C-alpha cells in the first residue's frame, strides 16, 4: 500500500522514552522520568476520587458534547460555551483546526524551534509549512509577519514555546495581532500558560473580542497532571467551533478524562502547589546549572533547555544509565541541546548530581 506523498515524507513525532522501556533495556529500577514535562506530583486528589467513583460506568459511551466540562470551563474562563471545543489532548484540537481550515496549496507558518506537531499536521494535509527563524530561541513576530502571503491560512505560535520555554510578550503580540490579515488564523498554543509569572505575558482570551480568526489552545496534561487521560480544549469564535465540531470525531474525549478534568478545575490548591514546586525547581536548576557552567534558556514553563555545546547524545546516554530520562531535541533543530523537565526536589537533585559526574569524567 502506497501512502500519499505528503504522508510518506513525514518525520514522525518521537515521544520521550517511557520508564518501562528503560527498565527493560538496562534492568534498573527507580527511574526518574524528566523527559515529557509531566506534573511530578500527579493529578489532583479530587480528580483521582472522581475517577474511582466513575469506574463502574465505563461501559457507557461518554458525553459526545462534553457538556459539563464545557460548562465549567465557560464559568472559569468567562467565555461562552459555544466558543469552546474539547479534544483528546490539545494536540487533537490543533489537528482539528488544521483539518477544518487548511486545504491543499495553503500555507501555514511556524517557528523553527517550535512544537513539531505543527509541521506534521500541516504536511499531512498536503499543505506547505513555512518556517520562521527564531533568534534567541523565541518567536520572531516581525519575521513571521514578513512570511505571510495570500496563501497563508494559519500561523502557529506556542506561548510559552516548547521546547525552548521562551515567551512572546504582550506588546509584541498586540503588534502582531494588528498587522496579520484577518483571514489568517492565529493559533496560540498555551499548553504551559499556567506556569508563567511574567506580568507582560498576554492572556489571549482577552483578544477574541477584537479578532475573530484567533484560536487559543490549552491542555489538562501539564499543570493539572492528566497527561495520561488526554484532554485539552480550544477557544475560538462560535462559528469556527461550529465548523470544527463537524470535523471532530464522535466521542473523541473519553468519559474518564471528562470526569477528571471537571474535578481538577475545582482544585485550585493543587494548581497552586504544582506551580510552587515548579518555581522552586526553576530556582534550583538556575543555581546549579550556573555552578556547573552549563548554558540554558530562561524558561517560563516546567522544563529547561540546556546547551551541552557539542553532541548531547553521550550525555543523554550516560544519564539514562544513571536512571535519568531527559529529551534530545535534535528534531527541533537544536543539535547540541537536551530538554529536562522540572521534577520533585529529589529528582532535580539526582539529575544535577548525575550531570555533574558526567561532565567531570
Foldseek 3Di string as FASTA:
>chain_A
DDDDPLQVPDDDDDAFDDLVVLCVVQVDDPFAEFAHQFQQVAADPLLVVLLVVCVVPLVDFADQQLVLLLVLCCVVVVHDSLQKDKFLALLVVLLLLCVLWDAAAAEEEEELQADPSVSVSQSVRNHHYDYFYQVLNADDLVRVLVPDDPRYAEYEHEACGPPAQDGDFQVSVVVSVVRRDLNHAYEYEDAFVLLADDPRHDDCVVCQVPHQRYKYKYGCRHLNRPVVQGMIMMGGDSVSSVSSSVVDDGSRHGNSRSSSSSSSSVCPVSSVVSSVQQVVLLVVCVVLCVVVVWDWRRHSGQKIKTFQVDQCVVVQVQCSSLSYTWADRVVSVRRRIIMTGRHGPVNSVSSSVSSSVVVVD
